[in-house]
C-alpha atoms as a PDB file:
ATOM      1  CA  MET A   1     -56.818  -1.857  31.336  1.00  0.00           C
ATOM      2  CA  SER A   2     -54.761  -2.418  28.211  1.00  0.00           C
ATOM      3  CA  MET A   3     -52.037  -0.001  27.155  1.00  0.00           C
ATOM      4  CA  PRO A   4     -53.070   2.394  24.341  1.00  0.00           C
ATOM      5  CA  ALA A   5     -51.662   1.304  20.966  1.00  0.00           C
ATOM      6  CA  ALA A   6     -49.680   4.529  20.503  1.00  0.00           C
ATOM      7  CA  THR A   7     -48.126   4.250  23.968  1.00  0.00           C
ATOM      8  CA  TYR A   8     -47.271   0.592  23.405  1.00  0.00           C
ATOM      9  CA  ALA A   9     -45.624   1.422  20.068  1.00  0.00           C
ATOM     10  CA  ASP A  10     -43.638   4.266  21.657  1.00  0.00           C
ATOM     11  CA  SER A  11     -42.521   1.947  24.459  1.00  0.00           C
ATOM     12  CA  ARG A  12     -41.335  -0.693  21.987  1.00  0.00           C
ATOM     13  CA  LEU A  13     -39.513   1.943  19.949  1.00  0.00           C
ATOM     14  CA  LEU A  14     -37.779   3.255  23.074  1.00  0.00           C
ATOM     15  CA  SER A  15     -36.743  -0.271  24.098  1.00  0.00           C
ATOM     16  CA  TRP A  16     -35.361  -0.917  20.629  1.00  0.00           C
ATOM     17  CA  GLN A  17     -33.406   2.340  20.678  1.00  0.00           C
ATOM     18  CA  ARG A  18     -31.888   1.550  24.057  1.00  0.00           C
ATOM     19  CA  ALA A  19     -30.925  -1.940  22.903  1.00  0.00           C
ATOM     20  CA  SER A  20     -29.354  -0.365  19.824  1.00  0.00           C
ATOM     21  CA  ASP A  21     -27.389   2.054  22.025  1.00  0.00           C
ATOM     22  CA  TYR A  22     -26.057  -0.761  24.193  1.00  0.00           C
ATOM     23  CA  LEU A  23     -25.073  -2.648  21.048  1.00  0.00           C
ATOM     24  CA  GLU A  24     -23.234   0.451  19.803  1.00  0.00           C
ATOM     25  CA  LEU A  25     -21.273   0.500  23.064  1.00  0.00           C
ATOM     26  CA  THR A  26     -19.728  -2.828  22.040  1.00  0.00           C
ATOM     27  CA  LYS A  27     -18.310  -1.425  18.758  1.00  0.00           C
ATOM     28  CA  PRO A  28     -19.778  -4.370  16.833  1.00  0.00           C
ATOM     29  CA  LYS A  29     -17.579  -4.026  13.725  1.00  0.00           C
ATOM     30  CA  ILE A  30     -14.385  -4.206  15.781  1.00  0.00           C
ATOM     31  CA  ALA A  31     -15.839  -7.025  17.896  1.00  0.00           C
ATOM     32  CA  ALA A  32     -16.707  -8.984  14.747  1.00  0.00           C
ATOM     33  CA  LEU A  33     -13.094  -8.768  13.537  1.00  0.00           C
ATOM     34  CA  GLU A  34     -11.855  -9.922  16.936  1.00  0.00           C
ATOM     35  CA  LEU A  35     -14.169 -12.937  16.852  1.00  0.00           C
ATOM     36  CA  VAL A  36     -12.972 -13.806  13.347  1.00  0.00           C
ATOM     37  CA  THR A  37      -9.353 -13.773  14.535  1.00  0.00           C
ATOM     38  CA  VAL A  38     -10.237 -15.977  17.519  1.00  0.00           C
ATOM     39  CA  THR A  39     -11.881 -18.460  15.158  1.00  0.00           C
ATOM     40  CA  VAL A  40      -9.004 -18.455  12.680  1.00  0.00           C
ATOM     41  CA  ALA A  41      -6.454 -18.987  15.438  1.00  0.00           C
ATOM     42  CA  ALA A  42      -8.456 -21.872  16.920  1.00  0.00           C
ATOM     43  CA  VAL A  43      -8.844 -23.562  13.531  1.00  0.00           C
ATOM     44  CA  VAL A  44      -5.176 -23.146  12.579  1.00  0.00           C
ATOM     45  CA  ALA A  45      -3.936 -24.241  16.013  1.00  0.00           C
ATOM     46  CA  SER A  46      -5.963 -27.451  15.837  1.00  0.00           C
ATOM     47  CA  ALA A  47      -5.024 -28.250  12.216  1.00  0.00           C
ATOM     48  CA  GLY A  48      -8.516 -27.555  10.952  1.00  0.00           C
ATOM     49  CA  SER A  49     -10.377 -29.725  13.478  1.00  0.00           C
ATOM     50  CA  PRO A  50     -11.026 -27.673  16.619  1.00  0.00           C
ATOM     51  CA  ASP A  51     -13.369 -28.728  19.383  1.00  0.00           C
ATOM     52  CA  LEU A  52     -16.460 -26.776  18.401  1.00  0.00           C
ATOM     53  CA  TRP A  53     -17.669 -26.296  21.964  1.00  0.00           C
ATOM     54  CA  SER A  54     -14.319 -24.837  22.988  1.00  0.00           C
ATOM     55  CA  VAL A  55     -14.441 -22.425  20.065  1.00  0.00           C
ATOM     56  CA  LEU A  56     -18.046 -21.448  20.800  1.00  0.00           C
ATOM     57  CA  HIS A  57     -17.297 -20.793  24.472  1.00  0.00           C
ATOM     58  CA  ALA A  58     -14.179 -18.832  23.498  1.00  0.00           C
ATOM     59  CA  LEU A  59     -16.244 -16.659  21.159  1.00  0.00           C
ATOM     60  CA  VAL A  60     -18.886 -15.961  23.807  1.00  0.00           C
ATOM     61  CA  GLY A  61     -16.324 -15.083  26.474  1.00  0.00           C
ATOM     62  CA  THR A  62     -14.246 -12.967  24.083  1.00  0.00           C
ATOM     63  CA  ALA A  63     -17.363 -11.100  22.946  1.00  0.00           C
ATOM     64  CA  LEU A  64     -18.220 -10.277  26.556  1.00  0.00           C
ATOM     65  CA  ILE A  65     -14.726  -9.011  27.392  1.00  0.00           C
ATOM     66  CA  ALA A  66     -14.608  -7.044  24.125  1.00  0.00           C
ATOM     67  CA  ALA A  67     -17.961  -5.452  24.989  1.00  0.00           C
ATOM     68  CA  GLY A  68     -16.641  -4.472  28.410  1.00  0.00           C
ATOM     69  CA  ALA A  69     -13.468  -3.026  26.926  1.00  0.00           C
ATOM     70  CA  SER A  70     -15.348  -0.988  24.331  1.00  0.00           C
ATOM     71  CA  ALA A  71     -17.731   0.346  26.957  1.00  0.00           C
ATOM     72  CA  GLY A  72     -14.810   1.282  29.203  1.00  0.00           C
ATOM     73  CA  ASN A  73     -13.107   3.017  26.298  1.00  0.00           C
ATOM     74  CA  GLN A  74     -16.203   5.069  25.497  1.00  0.00           C
ATOM     75  CA  LEU A  75     -16.716   5.887  29.154  1.00  0.00           C
ATOM     76  CA  LEU A  76     -13.221   7.383  29.433  1.00  0.00           C
ATOM     77  CA  GLU A  77     -13.419   9.101  26.049  1.00  0.00           C
ATOM     78  CA  ARG A  78     -16.900  10.584  26.367  1.00  0.00           C
ATOM     79  CA  GLU A  79     -15.602  14.170  26.423  1.00  0.00           C
ATOM     80  CA  THR A  80     -13.256  13.789  23.436  1.00  0.00           C
ATOM     81  CA  ASP A  81     -15.907  11.791  21.560  1.00  0.00           C
ATOM     82  CA  ALA A  82     -18.223  14.791  21.896  1.00  0.00           C
ATOM     83  CA  LEU A  83     -15.655  16.952  20.066  1.00  0.00           C
ATOM     84  CA  MET A  84     -15.421  14.752  16.964  1.00  0.00           C
ATOM     85  CA  GLU A  85     -18.107  14.501  14.304  1.00  0.00           C
ATOM     86  CA  ARG A  86     -17.487  10.782  13.764  1.00  0.00           C
ATOM     87  CA  THR A  87     -18.130   9.952  17.438  1.00  0.00           C
ATOM     88  CA  ALA A  88     -20.353  12.774  18.690  1.00  0.00           C
ATOM     89  CA  ASP A  89     -23.506  10.683  18.295  1.00  0.00           C
ATOM     90  CA  ARG A  90     -22.286   7.768  20.373  1.00  0.00           C
ATOM     91  CA  PRO A  91     -24.617   6.860  23.263  1.00  0.00           C
ATOM     92  CA  LEU A  92     -22.696   8.773  25.965  1.00  0.00           C
ATOM     93  CA  PRO A  93     -21.948  12.090  24.207  1.00  0.00           C
ATOM     94  CA  GLY A  94     -25.348  11.838  22.548  1.00  0.00           C
ATOM     95  CA  GLY A  95     -26.961  11.737  26.000  1.00  0.00           C
ATOM     96  CA  ARG A  96     -28.882   8.516  25.383  1.00  0.00           C
ATOM     97  CA  LEU A  97     -27.087   6.524  28.088  1.00  0.00           C
ATOM     98  CA  SER A  98     -25.776   7.752  31.431  1.00  0.00           C
ATOM     99  CA  VAL A  99     -22.267   7.358  32.822  1.00  0.00           C
ATOM    100  CA  ARG A 100     -23.639   4.992  35.467  1.00  0.00           C
ATOM    101  CA  GLU A 101     -25.385   2.800  32.898  1.00  0.00           C
ATOM    102  CA  VAL A 102     -22.270   2.511  30.746  1.00  0.00           C
ATOM    103  CA  ALA A 103     -20.018   1.842  33.749  1.00  0.00           C
ATOM    104  CA  ILE A 104     -22.299  -0.964  34.988  1.00  0.00           C
ATOM    105  CA  PHE A 105     -22.595  -2.468  31.507  1.00  0.00           C
ATOM    106  CA  GLY A 106     -18.837  -2.380  31.000  1.00  0.00           C
ATOM    107  CA  ALA A 107     -18.025  -3.875  34.397  1.00  0.00           C
ATOM    108  CA  VAL A 108     -20.631  -6.637  34.202  1.00  0.00           C
ATOM    109  CA  THR A 109     -19.703  -7.767  30.688  1.00  0.00           C
ATOM    110  CA  ALA A 110     -15.952  -7.707  31.359  1.00  0.00           C
ATOM    111  CA  VAL A 111     -16.201  -9.653  34.634  1.00  0.00           C
ATOM    112  CA  ALA A 112     -18.732 -12.086  33.156  1.00  0.00           C
ATOM    113  CA  GLY A 113     -16.452 -12.683  30.172  1.00  0.00           C
ATOM    114  CA  ALA A 114     -13.412 -13.359  32.343  1.00  0.00           C
ATOM    115  CA  ILE A 115     -15.311 -15.809  34.567  1.00  0.00           C
ATOM    116  CA  TYR A 116     -16.961 -17.483  31.575  1.00  0.00           C
ATOM    117  CA  LEU A 117     -13.597 -18.108  29.896  1.00  0.00           C
ATOM    118  CA  ALA A 118     -11.957 -19.330  33.104  1.00  0.00           C
ATOM    119  CA  VAL A 119     -14.741 -21.823  33.843  1.00  0.00           C
ATOM    120  CA  LEU A 120     -15.794 -23.011  30.389  1.00  0.00           C
ATOM    121  CA  VAL A 121     -12.557 -22.651  28.380  1.00  0.00           C
ATOM    122  CA  ASN A 122      -9.366 -22.446  30.453  1.00  0.00           C
ATOM    123  CA  PRO A 123      -7.581 -20.031  32.824  1.00  0.00           C
ATOM    124  CA  LEU A 124      -4.951 -19.016  30.244  1.00  0.00           C
ATOM    125  CA  THR A 125      -7.555 -17.796  27.760  1.00  0.00           C
ATOM    126  CA  SER A 126      -9.266 -15.870  30.561  1.00  0.00           C
ATOM    127  CA  ALA A 127      -5.967 -14.318  31.670  1.00  0.00           C
ATOM    128  CA  LEU A 128      -5.204 -13.230  28.109  1.00  0.00           C
ATOM    129  CA  GLY A 129      -8.671 -11.678  27.890  1.00  0.00           C
ATOM    130  CA  VAL A 130      -8.175  -9.763  31.139  1.00  0.00           C
ATOM    131  CA  LEU A 131      -4.769  -8.562  29.936  1.00  0.00           C
ATOM    132  CA  THR A 132      -6.363  -7.349  26.710  1.00  0.00           C
ATOM    133  CA  TRP A 133      -8.968  -5.405  28.689  1.00  0.00           C
ATOM    134  CA  VAL A 134      -6.312  -3.827  30.915  1.00  0.00           C
ATOM    135  CA  LEU A 135      -4.151  -2.774  27.966  1.00  0.00           C
ATOM    136  CA  TYR A 136      -7.078  -1.373  25.997  1.00  0.00           C
ATOM    137  CA  VAL A 137      -8.903   0.473  28.762  1.00  0.00           C
ATOM    138  CA  GLY A 138      -6.066   1.187  31.186  1.00  0.00           C
ATOM    139  CA  VAL A 139      -3.186   1.949  28.809  1.00  0.00           C
ATOM    140  CA  TYR A 140      -4.289   2.553  25.216  1.00  0.00           C
ATOM    141  CA  THR A 141      -7.286   4.775  25.973  1.00  0.00           C
ATOM    142  CA  PRO A 142      -5.552   7.312  28.287  1.00  0.00           C
ATOM    143  CA  LEU A 143      -2.414   7.229  26.113  1.00  0.00           C
ATOM    144  CA  LYS A 144      -4.353   8.541  23.103  1.00  0.00           C
ATOM    145  CA  SER A 145      -4.345  12.054  24.548  1.00  0.00           C
ATOM    146  CA  ARG A 146      -0.669  11.873  25.566  1.00  0.00           C
ATOM    147  CA  SER A 147       1.429  10.164  22.897  1.00  0.00           C
ATOM    148  CA  HIS A 148       1.253   8.758  19.376  1.00  0.00           C
ATOM    149  CA  VAL A 149       2.708   5.559  20.867  1.00  0.00           C
ATOM    150  CA  ASN A 150      -0.931   4.730  21.610  1.00  0.00           C
ATOM    151  CA  THR A 151      -1.120   3.126  18.149  1.00  0.00           C
ATOM    152  CA  MET A 152       1.458   0.514  19.109  1.00  0.00           C
ATOM    153  CA  VAL A 153      -0.400  -0.388  22.293  1.00  0.00           C
ATOM    154  CA  GLY A 154      -3.659  -0.506  20.343  1.00  0.00           C
ATOM    155  CA  ALA A 155      -2.055  -2.858  17.832  1.00  0.00           C
ATOM    156  CA  VAL A 156      -1.056  -5.213  20.653  1.00  0.00           C
ATOM    157  CA  THR A 157      -4.611  -5.334  21.990  1.00  0.00           C
ATOM    158  CA  GLY A 158      -5.943  -5.845  18.476  1.00  0.00           C
ATOM    159  CA  ALA A 159      -3.740  -8.912  18.013  1.00  0.00           C
ATOM    160  CA  MET A 160      -4.410 -10.480  21.426  1.00  0.00           C
ATOM    161  CA  PRO A 161      -7.526 -12.393  20.236  1.00  0.00           C
ATOM    162  CA  ILE A 162      -5.156 -14.516  18.138  1.00  0.00           C
ATOM    163  CA  LEU A 163      -3.490 -15.770  21.316  1.00  0.00           C
ATOM    164  CA  MET A 164      -6.874 -16.230  22.988  1.00  0.00           C
ATOM    165  CA  GLY A 165      -8.175 -18.390  20.149  1.00  0.00           C
ATOM    166  CA  TRP A 166      -4.952 -20.393  20.107  1.00  0.00           C
ATOM    167  CA  ALA A 167      -5.022 -20.997  23.855  1.00  0.00           C
ATOM    168  CA  ALA A 168      -8.733 -21.826  23.804  1.00  0.00           C
ATOM    169  CA  VAL A 169      -8.116 -25.132  22.000  1.00  0.00           C
ATOM    170  CA  GLY A 170      -5.375 -26.106  24.434  1.00  0.00           C
ATOM    171  CA  GLN A 171      -2.392 -25.534  22.173  1.00  0.00           C
ATOM    172  CA  PRO A 172       0.884 -24.022  23.468  1.00  0.00           C
ATOM    173  CA  LEU A 173       1.722 -20.477  22.420  1.00  0.00           C
ATOM    174  CA  ASP A 174       4.520 -21.434  20.032  1.00  0.00           C
ATOM    175  CA  LEU A 175       6.185 -19.941  16.947  1.00  0.00           C
ATOM    176  CA  ALA A 176       3.089 -20.508  14.829  1.00  0.00           C
ATOM    177  CA  ALA A 177       0.959 -18.553  17.333  1.00  0.00           C
ATOM    178  CA  ALA A 178       3.556 -15.776  17.443  1.00  0.00           C
ATOM    179  CA  THR A 179       3.538 -15.615  13.643  1.00  0.00           C
ATOM    180  CA  LEU A 180      -0.223 -15.112  13.487  1.00  0.00           C
ATOM    181  CA  PHE A 181       0.002 -12.551  16.293  1.00  0.00           C
ATOM    182  CA  LEU A 182       2.644 -10.574  14.373  1.00  0.00           C
ATOM    183  CA  ILE A 183       0.591 -10.655  11.174  1.00  0.00           C
ATOM    184  CA  VAL A 184      -2.391  -9.045  12.884  1.00  0.00           C
ATOM    185  CA  PHE A 185      -0.151  -6.689  14.898  1.00  0.00           C
ATOM    186  CA  LEU A 186       1.733  -5.342  11.851  1.00  0.00           C
ATOM    187  CA  TRP A 187      -1.385  -5.152   9.689  1.00  0.00           C
ATOM    188  CA  GLN A 188      -2.895  -2.584  12.026  1.00  0.00           C
ATOM    189  CA  PHE A 189      -0.281   0.124  11.331  1.00  0.00           C
ATOM    190  CA  PRO A 190      -1.170   0.801   7.667  1.00  0.00           C
ATOM    191  CA  HIS A 191      -4.834   0.436   8.648  1.00  0.00           C
ATOM    192  CA  PHE A 192      -4.636   2.880  11.569  1.00  0.00           C
ATOM    193  CA  MET A 193      -2.411   5.380   9.748  1.00  0.00           C
ATOM    194  CA  ALA A 194      -4.967   5.633   6.951  1.00  0.00           C
ATOM    195  CA  ILE A 195      -7.795   6.222   9.448  1.00  0.00           C
ATOM    196  CA  ALA A 196      -5.737   8.706  11.458  1.00  0.00           C
ATOM    197  CA  TRP A 197      -4.954  10.712   8.326  1.00  0.00           C
ATOM    198  CA  ILE A 198      -8.566  10.793   7.109  1.00  0.00           C
ATOM    199  CA  TYR A 199      -9.794  12.038  10.495  1.00  0.00           C
ATOM    200  CA  ARG A 200      -6.682  14.026  11.448  1.00  0.00           C
ATOM    201  CA  ARG A 201      -8.546  17.330  11.849  1.00  0.00           C
ATOM    202  CA  GLN A 202     -11.123  15.768  14.159  1.00  0.00           C
ATOM    203  CA  TYR A 203      -8.424  14.064  16.206  1.00  0.00           C
ATOM    204  CA  ALA A 204      -6.556  17.362  16.460  1.00  0.00           C
ATOM    205  CA  ALA A 205      -9.692  19.204  17.599  1.00  0.00           C
ATOM    206  CA  ALA A 206     -10.202  16.584  20.324  1.00  0.00           C
ATOM    207  CA  GLY A 207      -6.548  16.745  21.425  1.00  0.00           C
ATOM    208  CA  LEU A 208      -5.789  13.127  20.522  1.00  0.00           C
ATOM    209  CA  GLN A 209      -2.140  12.530  19.702  1.00  0.00           C
ATOM    210  CA  MET A 210      -2.354  10.462  16.530  1.00  0.00           C
ATOM    211  CA  LEU A 211       0.725  10.548  14.319  1.00  0.00           C
ATOM    212  CA  PRO A 212      -0.824  12.792  11.607  1.00  0.00           C
ATOM    213  CA  VAL A 213      -1.664  15.260  14.403  1.00  0.00           C
ATOM    214  CA  VAL A 214       1.882  15.195  15.802  1.00  0.00           C
ATOM    215  CA  ASP A 215       3.316  15.457  12.274  1.00  0.00           C
ATOM    216  CA  PRO A 216       0.773  17.243  10.018  1.00  0.00           C
ATOM    217  CA  SER A 217       2.957  16.673   6.949  1.00  0.00           C
ATOM    218  CA  GLY A 218       1.921  13.016   6.966  1.00  0.00           C
ATOM    219  CA  LEU A 219       5.462  11.839   6.250  1.00  0.00           C
ATOM    220  CA  ARG A 220       5.844   9.975   9.529  1.00  0.00           C
ATOM    221  CA  ALA A 221       2.423   8.354   9.191  1.00  0.00           C
ATOM    222  CA  GLY A 222       3.186   7.356   5.614  1.00  0.00           C
ATOM    223  CA  GLY A 223       6.627   6.094   6.573  1.00  0.00           C
ATOM    224  CA  GLN A 224       5.212   4.006   9.402  1.00  0.00           C
ATOM    225  CA  ALA A 225       2.583   2.532   7.068  1.00  0.00           C
ATOM    226  CA  VAL A 226       5.257   1.563   4.517  1.00  0.00           C
ATOM    227  CA  LEU A 227       7.644   0.111   7.104  1.00  0.00           C
ATOM    228  CA  ALA A 228       4.887  -1.972   8.678  1.00  0.00           C
ATOM    229  CA  ALA A 229       3.708  -3.210   5.269  1.00  0.00           C
ATOM    230  CA  LEU A 230       7.287  -4.141   4.355  1.00  0.00           C
ATOM    231  CA  ALA A 231       7.788  -5.979   7.652  1.00  0.00           C
ATOM    232  CA  LEU A 232       4.447  -7.705   7.243  1.00  0.00           C
ATOM    233  CA  LEU A 233       5.419  -9.285   3.920  1.00  0.00           C
ATOM    234  CA  PRO A 234       8.112 -11.700   5.198  1.00  0.00           C
ATOM    235  CA  VAL A 235       6.149 -12.377   8.392  1.00  0.00           C
ATOM    236  CA  SER A 236       3.063 -13.278   6.347  1.00  0.00           C
ATOM    237  CA  LEU A 237       5.134 -15.803   4.380  1.00  0.00           C
ATOM    238  CA  LEU A 238       6.274 -17.650   7.522  1.00  0.00           C
ATOM    239  CA  PRO A 239       3.158 -19.875   7.776  1.00  0.00           C
ATOM    240  CA  SER A 240       4.229 -21.659   4.598  1.00  0.00           C
ATOM    241  CA  MET A 241       7.613 -22.310   6.221  1.00  0.00           C
ATOM    242  CA  VAL A 242       6.371 -23.600   9.577  1.00  0.00           C
ATOM    243  CA  SER A 243       4.093 -26.253   8.075  1.00  0.00           C
ATOM    244  CA  PHE A 244       0.601 -24.811   8.592  1.00  0.00           C
ATOM    245  CA  ALA A 245       0.242 -23.360   5.081  1.00  0.00           C
ATOM    246  CA  GLY A 246       1.363 -24.500   1.646  1.00  0.00           C
ATOM    247  CA  PRO A 247       2.859 -23.113  -1.586  1.00  0.00           C
ATOM    248  CA  LEU A 248      -0.414 -21.642  -2.868  1.00  0.00           C
ATOM    249  CA  TYR A 249      -0.710 -19.644   0.353  1.00  0.00           C
ATOM    250  CA  PHE A 250       2.853 -18.397  -0.197  1.00  0.00           C
ATOM    251  CA  VAL A 251       1.892 -16.977  -3.611  1.00  0.00           C
ATOM    252  CA  TRP A 252      -1.366 -15.520  -2.252  1.00  0.00           C
ATOM    253  CA  ALA A 253       0.366 -13.835   0.689  1.00  0.00           C
ATOM    254  CA  LEU A 254       3.073 -12.489  -1.620  1.00  0.00           C
ATOM    255  CA  LEU A 255       0.505 -10.909  -3.945  1.00  0.00           C
ATOM    256  CA  LEU A 256      -1.558  -9.450  -1.104  1.00  0.00           C
ATOM    257  CA  GLY A 257       1.543  -8.097   0.620  1.00  0.00           C
ATOM    258  CA  ALA A 258       2.913  -6.509  -2.545  1.00  0.00           C
ATOM    259  CA  ALA A 259      -0.426  -4.813  -3.211  1.00  0.00           C
ATOM    260  CA  GLN A 260      -0.566  -3.423   0.322  1.00  0.00           C
ATOM    261  CA  ILE A 261       3.025  -2.160   0.079  1.00  0.00           C
ATOM    262  CA  ALA A 262       2.130  -0.373  -3.165  1.00  0.00           C
ATOM    263  CA  CYS A 263      -0.885   1.286  -1.535  1.00  0.00           C
ATOM    264  CA  ALA A 264       1.178   2.313   1.503  1.00  0.00           C
ATOM    265  CA  ALA A 265       3.891   3.764  -0.777  1.00  0.00           C
ATOM    266  CA  MET A 266       1.251   5.731  -2.676  1.00  0.00           C
ATOM    267  CA  PHE A 267       0.050   7.164   0.631  1.00  0.00           C
ATOM    268  CA  LEU A 268       3.622   8.068   1.656  1.00  0.00           C
ATOM    269  CA  PHE A 269       4.436   9.918  -1.563  1.00  0.00           C
ATOM    270  CA  ARG A 270       0.983  11.404  -2.204  1.00  0.00           C
ATOM    271  CA  GLN A 271      -0.567  12.330   1.115  1.00  0.00           C
ATOM    272  CA  SER A 272      -4.246  12.892   0.432  1.00  0.00           C
ATOM    273  CA  ASP A 273      -7.592  11.650   1.641  1.00  0.00           C
ATOM    274  CA  ARG A 274      -7.875   9.666  -1.602  1.00  0.00           C
ATOM    275  CA  SER A 275      -4.588   7.785  -1.139  1.00  0.00           C
ATOM    276  CA  ALA A 276      -5.456   7.191   2.534  1.00  0.00           C
ATOM    277  CA  ARG A 277      -8.832   5.737   1.586  1.00  0.00           C
ATOM    278  CA  ILE A 278      -7.201   3.469  -0.983  1.00  0.00           C
ATOM    279  CA  LEU A 279      -4.803   2.217   1.709  1.00  0.00           C
ATOM    280  CA  LEU A 280      -7.699   1.745   4.130  1.00  0.00           C
ATOM    281  CA  ARG A 281      -9.652  -0.313   1.582  1.00  0.00           C
ATOM    282  CA  ALA A 282      -6.558  -2.360   0.791  1.00  0.00           C
ATOM    283  CA  SER A 283      -6.061  -3.145   4.482  1.00  0.00           C
ATOM    284  CA  LEU A 284      -9.715  -4.170   4.819  1.00  0.00           C
ATOM    285  CA  VAL A 285      -9.246  -6.632   1.955  1.00  0.00           C
ATOM    286  CA  TYR A 286      -5.821  -7.855   3.049  1.00  0.00           C
ATOM    287  CA  LEU A 287      -6.481  -9.303   6.491  1.00  0.00           C
ATOM    288  CA  PRO A 288      -9.703 -11.256   5.812  1.00  0.00           C
ATOM    289  CA  ALA A 289      -8.264 -12.571   2.543  1.00  0.00           C
ATOM    290  CA  LEU A 290      -5.097 -13.774   4.282  1.00  0.00           C
ATOM    291  CA  LEU A 291      -6.791 -15.254   7.341  1.00  0.00           C
ATOM    292  CA  MET A 292      -9.474 -17.059   5.369  1.00  0.00           C
ATOM    293  CA  TRP A 293      -6.794 -18.743   3.247  1.00  0.00           C
ATOM    294  CA  LEU A 294      -4.923 -19.831   6.380  1.00  0.00           C
ATOM    295  CA  MET A 295      -8.066 -21.593   7.565  1.00  0.00           C
ATOM    296  CA  LEU A 296      -7.912 -23.800   4.458  1.00  0.00           C
ATOM    297  CA  GLY A 297      -4.829 -25.504   5.854  1.00  0.00           C
ATOM    298  CA  PRO A 298      -1.629 -26.564   4.094  1.00  0.00           C
ATOM    299  CA  CYS A 299      -2.488 -25.725   0.495  1.00  0.00           C
END
């Protein structure tokens, strides 16, 4: 006997919704940025001619570990997520996935990613992926409810894909790799401070110790955004001095950096949701624009 059309349609809709919920567990926007940084690092490390299979395998393995880390993060934060409007409808607090389902998904994807990288890329890339998972799930996530230092740990994990992409093509982790790592690391402070300010009331209600919660005046958040943007400027110019970018990149990085400093200074001196959103948009333009130019090589 065939399944009634209405029942079949309901079943397909339910399957689609569950697939969508599992996808949401992976935080696809963050994962996409991580995969971009892996790709950029691999291309830069290999002077524009990476082994495509190595890059592809690195992307697959990184995506799996990132999925496991995001699932682990949401598993540990399910109670605080339920207290914030921006996260209350995630699969766990929304009741669409169980703790057991999320735990299994997170464990399977993380372990599969680590094994995949070790076998099909190299052990160093796998080790860096495991370290990223440990820092994100085991340190950053619990630290969010204890100290505003969580942002620094989060920035480290956010920059780790640079080292993974670099290692994936068999290149040593040298000064050039450290430079790219620092660019992504420092970029995250203006970016995170803007987000933390915009959602400061929700973070406070959930008991998460973001800097605008610890210091409601916003001065420390604004100061940290400005200092990081200032530090980022000379670091972003280093690629043109260590031979993997040229004079046009130098000018481009200088313009991008100056614009981000201006937006961070506006946020420092005029704490408001508007100035924070301007800084957030500037940060979202800055990193892709800088990384894409680096992929062009020494020009």
